[in-house]
Amino acid sequence: MGEAALTLVLHDVAAETWPDYQPFVEAVDAIGGVPITWLVVPDFHQRNPLEQQPDFRRVLDERVQRGDELVLHGCYHADLESAPKTPKDWFMRRVYTHEGEFYGLDEQSADERLERGMDLFRRHRWPLHGFVAPAWLMSEGTRRALARSGLVYTSDPGHLYLLPDFSAITAPGLVWSARSPWRRGVSWLVSERQLRQSRSAPLLRLGLHPVDMRHEFSRRYWFDVLERLLEDGRRPMTKIDWLRQYRSMSAVA
């Protein structure tokens, strides 16, 4: 795969989370040459429809023009389905997360949500190649709908998956739980261990969330680790650009 790469990925992108991200993005832009992958939510928690946010849409337009990638990240980033019926579902939907929008959807519902999001991208002429489910949770119905969506890839914390057959590509991802001081401390330890273990990984992904930006400790960590990886020679790329390189070199091999 040639030189090692990194992707800088912003999760939960919406007009209401942009103020959290904006200072960090401006600092990254000041470095120069670091494209960003933005996971865009069309209507964050059903209170933030992009169609009603022309100023923020212009921000996204400008990012696309800079060479950044926009990815569909659910429709609402909220679990709006009926109450869980099994202990496992109750844990996944009420303890693990309240945002697993695609965890309980049947194929038809998942197809409708995907089409709604894809249509938004088409209307605003944003190139679309990837989908990432909120909390990385997908039902079997979602997987079937995604396989025939025409999109190129999806992902989870440890892999990228080429569609339609979900071929797995190992791509370690760093992600924090930053809601409390002890979580931020544990996240630092886990991330540093992952960095040591992933030195030889062709692609390393940095997965940021809005809450990370609200705490100096986590915000500073993400900027520092980005600088460290750049100094180590990792090439910053969007997900789709890295996948294009991967597929090109795989075809030659």
Protein backbone atom coordinates (compact mmCIF):
# COMPACT_ATOMS: atom_id res chain seq x y z
CA MET A 1 0.00 0.00 0.00
CA GLY A 2 2.98 2.37 -0.15
CA GLU A 3 3.30 5.11 2.46
CA ALA A 4 1.30 4.93 5.68
CA ALA A 5 -1.72 7.21 5.82
CA LEU A 6 -4.11 8.77 8.31
CA THR A 7 -7.64 10.07 8.06
CA LEU A 8 -9.05 12.83 10.25
CA VAL A 9 -12.76 12.14 10.70
CA LEU A 10 -15.32 14.45 12.31
CA HIS A 11 -18.43 12.62 13.58
CA ASP A 12 -21.92 14.03 14.13
CA VAL A 13 -21.49 17.01 11.84
CA ALA A 14 -24.46 19.39 11.95
CA ALA A 15 -25.11 23.11 12.30
CA GLU A 16 -25.41 22.78 16.08
CA THR A 17 -22.09 20.93 16.44
CA TRP A 18 -20.16 23.22 14.08
CA PRO A 19 -19.35 25.76 16.86
CA ASP A 20 -17.66 22.91 18.77
CA TYR A 21 -15.55 21.95 15.78
CA GLN A 22 -14.82 25.31 14.21
CA PRO A 23 -11.75 26.37 16.29
CA PHE A 24 -10.20 22.92 15.87
CA VAL A 25 -10.84 22.89 12.12
CA GLU A 26 -9.29 26.33 11.79
CA ALA A 27 -6.20 25.10 13.65
CA VAL A 28 -5.95 22.08 11.35
CA ASP A 29 -6.36 24.29 8.29
CA ALA A 30 -3.46 26.41 9.56
CA ILE A 31 -1.20 23.34 9.37
CA GLY A 32 -2.03 23.06 5.69
CA GLY A 33 -2.56 20.01 3.52
CA VAL A 34 -4.76 18.01 5.88
CA PRO A 35 -8.06 17.01 4.24
CA ILE A 36 -10.92 16.13 6.56
CA THR A 37 -13.68 13.54 6.31
CA TRP A 38 -16.97 14.94 7.65
CA LEU A 39 -19.73 12.57 8.82
CA VAL A 40 -22.82 14.63 8.07
CA VAL A 41 -26.20 14.12 9.77
CA PRO A 42 -29.06 15.49 7.60
CA ASP A 43 -31.35 16.31 10.57
CA PHE A 44 -29.46 15.93 13.85
CA HIS A 45 -31.84 14.60 16.52
CA GLN A 46 -34.74 15.89 14.40
CA ARG A 47 -34.01 19.45 15.48
CA ASN A 48 -31.34 20.51 13.00
CA PRO A 49 -32.44 19.94 9.38
CA LEU A 50 -29.69 20.92 6.99
CA GLU A 51 -32.31 22.17 4.55
CA GLN A 52 -32.98 25.01 7.00
CA GLN A 53 -29.30 25.86 7.56
CA PRO A 54 -28.06 27.75 4.48
CA ASP A 55 -25.06 29.24 6.27
CA PHE A 56 -23.80 25.85 7.38
CA ARG A 57 -24.50 24.33 3.96
CA ARG A 58 -22.17 26.98 2.56
CA VAL A 59 -19.52 25.81 5.02
CA LEU A 60 -19.91 22.28 3.68
CA ASP A 61 -19.82 23.54 0.09
CA GLU A 62 -16.51 25.24 0.83
CA ARG A 63 -15.09 22.10 2.44
CA VAL A 64 -15.93 20.03 -0.62
CA GLN A 65 -14.19 22.64 -2.78
CA ARG A 66 -11.10 22.33 -0.55
CA GLY A 67 -10.95 18.60 -1.23
CA ASP A 68 -12.63 17.34 1.94
CA GLU A 69 -15.05 14.39 1.89
CA LEU A 70 -18.64 14.41 3.12
CA VAL A 71 -20.07 11.08 4.32
CA LEU A 72 -23.69 10.25 5.14
CA HIS A 73 -23.99 9.60 8.89
CA GLY A 74 -27.56 8.40 9.35
CA CYS A 75 -30.52 10.73 9.01
CA TYR A 76 -31.26 11.76 12.59
CA HIS A 77 -28.49 10.17 14.70
CA ALA A 78 -31.20 9.19 17.18
CA ASP A 79 -32.99 5.93 17.93
CA LEU A 80 -36.64 6.76 17.23
CA GLU A 81 -38.00 3.22 17.05
CA SER A 82 -40.48 1.54 19.43
CA ALA A 83 -39.33 0.39 22.85
CA PRO A 84 -36.82 -2.51 23.06
CA LYS A 85 -38.36 -5.96 23.51
CA THR A 86 -35.40 -8.10 24.59
CA PRO A 87 -32.70 -7.66 27.27
CA LYS A 88 -30.02 -7.45 24.57
CA ASP A 89 -31.88 -4.77 22.65
CA TRP A 90 -32.60 -2.87 25.84
CA PHE A 91 -28.89 -2.82 26.68
CA MET A 92 -27.83 -1.79 23.16
CA ARG A 93 -30.50 0.89 22.78
CA ARG A 94 -30.80 2.28 26.30
CA VAL A 95 -27.43 1.63 27.99
CA TYR A 96 -24.79 1.40 25.27
CA THR A 97 -26.32 4.26 23.27
CA HIS A 98 -29.55 6.12 22.54
CA GLU A 99 -28.27 7.05 19.08
CA GLY A 100 -28.14 3.72 17.24
CA GLU A 101 -30.56 4.90 14.57
CA PHE A 102 -30.02 1.94 12.21
CA TYR A 103 -29.75 -0.78 14.87
CA GLY A 104 -33.42 -1.82 14.79
CA LEU A 105 -34.52 -0.90 11.27
CA ASP A 106 -35.96 -3.42 8.83
CA GLU A 107 -34.75 -3.36 5.23
CA GLN A 108 -37.51 -1.11 3.91
CA SER A 109 -37.09 1.46 6.67
CA ALA A 110 -33.32 1.44 6.28
CA ASP A 111 -33.67 1.85 2.53
CA GLU A 112 -35.98 4.84 3.01
CA ARG A 113 -33.58 6.53 5.44
CA LEU A 114 -30.60 5.94 3.17
CA GLU A 115 -32.48 7.30 0.17
CA ARG A 116 -33.53 10.37 2.14
CA GLY A 117 -29.93 11.12 3.03
CA MET A 118 -28.60 10.34 -0.44
CA ASP A 119 -31.21 12.63 -1.97
CA LEU A 120 -30.02 15.50 0.23
CA PHE A 121 -26.48 15.00 -1.06
CA ARG A 122 -27.70 14.89 -4.65
CA ARG A 123 -29.71 18.09 -4.30
CA HIS A 124 -26.70 19.98 -2.97
CA ARG A 125 -24.28 18.36 -5.42
CA TRP A 126 -22.10 16.89 -2.71
CA PRO A 127 -20.21 13.82 -3.92
CA LEU A 128 -21.18 10.81 -1.80
CA HIS A 129 -19.26 7.55 -1.52
CA GLY A 130 -19.64 6.36 2.07
CA PHE A 131 -22.13 5.74 4.84
CA VAL A 132 -21.33 5.36 8.54
CA ALA A 133 -24.15 4.25 10.83
CA PRO A 134 -24.56 6.23 14.07
CA ALA A 135 -22.69 4.39 16.84
CA TRP A 136 -21.57 2.00 14.03
CA LEU A 137 -24.69 -0.11 14.68
CA MET A 138 -26.51 -1.72 11.75
CA SER A 139 -29.31 -4.26 11.54
CA GLU A 140 -29.27 -7.04 8.95
CA GLY A 141 -31.95 -5.11 7.09
CA THR A 142 -29.64 -2.09 7.00
CA ARG A 143 -26.80 -4.20 5.63
CA ARG A 144 -29.04 -5.52 2.82
CA ALA A 145 -30.26 -2.02 1.97
CA LEU A 146 -26.73 -0.66 2.05
CA ALA A 147 -25.45 -3.44 -0.22
CA ARG A 148 -27.73 -2.25 -3.03
CA SER A 149 -27.43 1.48 -2.33
CA GLY A 150 -24.69 2.07 -4.87
CA LEU A 151 -22.38 3.49 -2.20
CA VAL A 152 -18.73 2.44 -2.11
CA TYR A 153 -18.02 1.78 1.54
CA THR A 154 -19.04 1.74 5.18
CA SER A 155 -16.98 1.35 8.34
CA ASP A 156 -16.84 0.39 12.00
CA PRO A 157 -14.21 1.21 14.67
CA GLY A 158 -11.68 -1.28 13.30
CA HIS A 159 -12.41 -1.66 9.60
CA LEU A 160 -13.48 -0.16 6.32
CA TYR A 161 -15.89 -2.35 4.33
CA LEU A 162 -16.11 -2.27 0.56
CA LEU A 163 -19.64 -2.53 -0.74
CA PRO A 164 -21.67 -4.35 -1.90
CA ASP A 165 -20.07 -7.47 -0.38
CA PHE A 166 -18.71 -5.90 2.83
CA SER A 167 -15.11 -6.93 2.12
CA ALA A 168 -13.21 -5.98 5.26
CA ILE A 169 -10.06 -3.85 5.27
CA THR A 170 -8.28 -3.49 8.60
CA ALA A 171 -8.07 0.20 9.48
CA PRO A 172 -7.60 0.89 13.22
CA GLY A 173 -9.56 3.81 14.57
CA LEU A 174 -8.88 5.94 17.62
CA VAL A 175 -11.98 7.25 19.37
CA TRP A 176 -12.56 8.79 22.79
CA SER A 177 -15.29 8.78 25.41
CA ALA A 178 -14.87 12.30 26.75
CA ARG A 179 -17.96 12.99 28.85
CA SER A 180 -16.14 12.87 32.22
CA PRO A 181 -12.58 13.28 33.52
CA TRP A 182 -12.11 9.57 34.23
CA ARG A 183 -13.36 8.64 30.76
CA ARG A 184 -10.94 11.09 29.19
CA GLY A 185 -8.10 9.62 31.22
CA VAL A 186 -8.94 6.06 30.19
CA SER A 187 -9.35 7.18 26.57
CA TRP A 188 -5.84 8.66 26.62
CA LEU A 189 -4.38 5.39 27.89
CA VAL A 190 -6.28 3.30 25.35
CA SER A 191 -5.37 5.59 22.45
CA GLU A 192 -1.67 5.57 23.31
CA ARG A 193 -1.72 1.78 23.45
CA GLN A 194 -3.52 1.64 20.10
CA LEU A 195 -0.94 3.94 18.57
CA ARG A 196 1.88 1.64 19.67
CA GLN A 197 0.06 -1.42 18.38
CA SER A 198 -0.84 0.20 15.05
CA ARG A 199 2.56 1.51 13.98
CA SER A 200 2.58 -0.73 10.91
CA ALA A 201 -1.07 -0.20 9.93
CA PRO A 202 -1.39 1.19 6.38
CA LEU A 203 -4.25 3.44 7.51
CA LEU A 204 -4.90 4.92 10.93
CA ARG A 205 -8.16 6.79 11.55
CA LEU A 206 -8.70 9.57 14.07
CA GLY A 207 -12.41 9.67 14.97
CA LEU A 208 -13.40 12.90 16.70
CA HIS A 209 -16.74 13.77 18.29
CA PRO A 210 -18.20 17.15 19.28
CA VAL A 211 -17.90 16.39 23.00
CA ASP A 212 -14.14 15.93 22.54
CA MET A 213 -13.93 19.55 21.44
CA ARG A 214 -15.57 20.81 24.64
CA HIS A 215 -12.66 19.78 26.89
CA GLU A 216 -9.14 21.16 26.61
CA PHE A 217 -7.54 17.81 27.51
CA SER A 218 -9.20 15.84 24.72
CA ARG A 219 -9.11 18.68 22.19
CA ARG A 220 -5.39 19.16 22.76
CA TYR A 221 -4.77 15.42 22.50
CA TRP A 222 -6.35 15.18 19.07
CA PHE A 223 -4.32 18.08 17.74
CA ASP A 224 -1.11 16.74 19.27
CA VAL A 225 -1.60 13.21 17.95
CA LEU A 226 -2.35 14.60 14.49
CA GLU A 227 0.92 16.53 14.55
CA ARG A 228 2.83 13.47 15.83
CA LEU A 229 1.49 11.26 13.06
CA LEU A 230 2.31 13.86 10.42
CA GLU A 231 5.84 14.16 11.79
CA ASP A 232 6.12 10.36 11.63
CA GLY A 233 5.45 10.61 7.90
CA ARG A 234 1.84 9.50 7.68
CA ARG A 235 0.08 11.01 4.69
CA PRO A 236 -3.26 12.72 5.48
CA MET A 237 -6.05 11.54 3.18
CA THR A 238 -9.83 11.31 3.08
CA LYS A 239 -11.34 7.87 3.37
CA ILE A 240 -12.43 7.72 -0.25
CA ASP A 241 -9.04 8.86 -1.56
CA TRP A 242 -7.30 6.18 0.49
CA LEU A 243 -9.76 3.55 -0.76
CA ARG A 244 -9.15 4.59 -4.35
CA GLN A 245 -5.44 4.12 -3.80
CA TYR A 246 -6.07 0.79 -2.10
CA ARG A 247 -8.22 -0.53 -4.94
CA SER A 248 -5.79 0.70 -7.56
CA MET A 249 -2.82 -1.00 -5.95
CA SER A 250 -4.82 -4.15 -5.22
CA ALA A 251 -5.76 -4.38 -8.91
CA VAL A 252 -2.09 -4.09 -9.90
CA ALA A 253 -1.11 -6.76 -7.38
